[in-house]
Amino acid sequence: MKKTFQFNHDNEYEWLIISQSYFQCALMNAKILIERLGDYGINTTSPLNRIYGNYAQTEEYLIFPIIFNFKHGIEIYLKSIIGIKNSVFKEG
């Protein structure tokens, strides 16, 4: 028999904010990717130099954090909506 747990309605807003932060991270990485693909690569005067440092990074590696953050944003957003509507979850 699977365990169940209750959704804490006191934290509804926090769960929605967490999902929004994942979406914002995905959006920020997507904007950086667009800038990088627009010949705005990292050089000594680039503001991206403060973010990534002095090591070489190719554009294709930025797609993984975009997908990861977007997926987790959707997952947490859906779980918080389901938790608001139906307070009982099955564990596992």
Protein backbone atom coordinates (compact mmCIF):
# COMPACT_ATOMS: atom_id res chain seq x y z
CA MET A 1 0.00 0.00 0.00
CA LYS A 2 1.38 3.39 -1.00
CA LYS A 3 1.75 6.17 1.52
CA THR A 4 -0.06 9.46 1.06
CA PHE A 5 0.87 12.91 2.25
CA GLN A 6 -1.00 16.18 2.60
CA PHE A 7 -0.22 19.31 0.60
CA ASN A 8 0.52 22.20 2.95
CA HIS A 9 -1.77 25.05 1.87
CA ASP A 10 0.28 27.55 3.87
CA ASN A 11 3.06 27.21 1.28
CA GLU A 12 1.00 27.48 -1.93
CA TYR A 13 2.46 30.84 -2.90
CA GLU A 14 6.04 29.69 -2.27
CA TRP A 15 5.63 26.68 -4.58
CA LEU A 16 4.33 28.91 -7.36
CA ILE A 17 7.27 31.30 -6.85
CA ILE A 18 9.74 28.39 -7.02
CA SER A 19 8.29 27.29 -10.37
CA GLN A 20 8.49 30.88 -11.64
CA SER A 21 12.16 31.04 -10.64
CA TYR A 22 12.90 27.96 -12.77
CA PHE A 23 11.13 29.64 -15.70
CA GLN A 24 13.17 32.83 -15.15
CA CYS A 25 16.43 30.84 -15.14
CA ALA A 26 15.45 29.15 -18.39
CA LEU A 27 14.57 32.53 -19.91
CA MET A 28 17.84 34.08 -18.79
CA ASN A 29 19.85 31.21 -20.30
CA ALA A 30 17.84 31.47 -23.52
CA LYS A 31 18.60 35.20 -23.74
CA ILE A 32 22.30 34.51 -23.21
CA LEU A 33 22.15 31.83 -25.90
CA ILE A 34 20.55 34.28 -28.33
CA GLU A 35 23.26 36.82 -27.55
CA ARG A 36 25.99 34.22 -28.02
CA LEU A 37 24.53 33.11 -31.34
CA GLY A 38 24.31 36.75 -32.38
CA ASP A 39 28.14 37.04 -32.39
CA TYR A 40 28.15 38.43 -28.85
CA GLY A 41 30.67 35.96 -27.57
CA ILE A 42 32.67 36.16 -24.40
CA ASN A 43 35.59 38.53 -24.66
CA THR A 44 37.34 40.78 -22.19
CA THR A 45 34.73 43.56 -22.43
CA SER A 46 31.66 41.32 -22.46
CA PRO A 47 29.31 41.39 -19.44
CA LEU A 48 28.97 37.63 -19.93
CA ASN A 49 32.58 37.35 -18.82
CA ARG A 50 31.43 38.00 -15.23
CA ILE A 51 28.94 35.13 -15.47
CA TYR A 52 31.03 32.47 -17.17
CA GLY A 53 34.60 33.44 -16.35
CA ASN A 54 37.59 33.10 -18.63
CA TYR A 55 37.06 29.58 -19.91
CA ALA A 56 35.76 28.69 -23.34
CA GLN A 57 32.15 27.54 -23.54
CA THR A 58 30.30 26.64 -26.68
CA GLU A 59 26.68 27.54 -27.28
CA GLU A 60 25.29 24.01 -27.38
CA TYR A 61 25.99 23.54 -23.66
CA LEU A 62 23.51 26.30 -22.78
CA ILE A 63 20.57 24.30 -24.16
CA PHE A 64 20.79 21.71 -21.35
CA PRO A 65 20.13 24.14 -18.48
CA ILE A 66 17.32 25.73 -20.51
CA ILE A 67 15.57 22.38 -20.92
CA PHE A 68 16.28 21.34 -17.32
CA ASN A 69 14.91 24.55 -15.79
CA PHE A 70 11.89 24.66 -18.08
CA LYS A 71 11.01 21.03 -17.31
CA HIS A 72 11.31 21.52 -13.56
CA GLY A 73 9.34 24.75 -13.73
CA ILE A 74 6.46 22.94 -15.43
CA GLU A 75 6.69 20.02 -13.00
CA ILE A 76 6.57 22.17 -9.86
CA TYR A 77 3.88 24.44 -11.31
CA LEU A 78 1.62 21.47 -12.12
CA LYS A 79 2.24 19.86 -8.73
CA SER A 80 1.37 23.07 -6.93
CA ILE A 81 -1.85 23.50 -8.94
CA ILE A 82 -2.81 19.87 -8.26
CA GLY A 83 -1.92 20.37 -4.59
CA ILE A 84 -4.14 23.44 -4.36
CA LYS A 85 -7.06 21.55 -5.89
CA ASN A 86 -6.48 18.09 -4.41
CA SER A 87 -4.59 18.09 -1.13
CA VAL A 88 -3.61 14.40 -1.05
CA PHE A 89 -0.70 12.94 -3.01
CA LYS A 90 0.45 9.36 -3.33
CA GLU A 91 4.12 8.93 -2.55
CA GLY A 92 6.35 7.23 -5.09
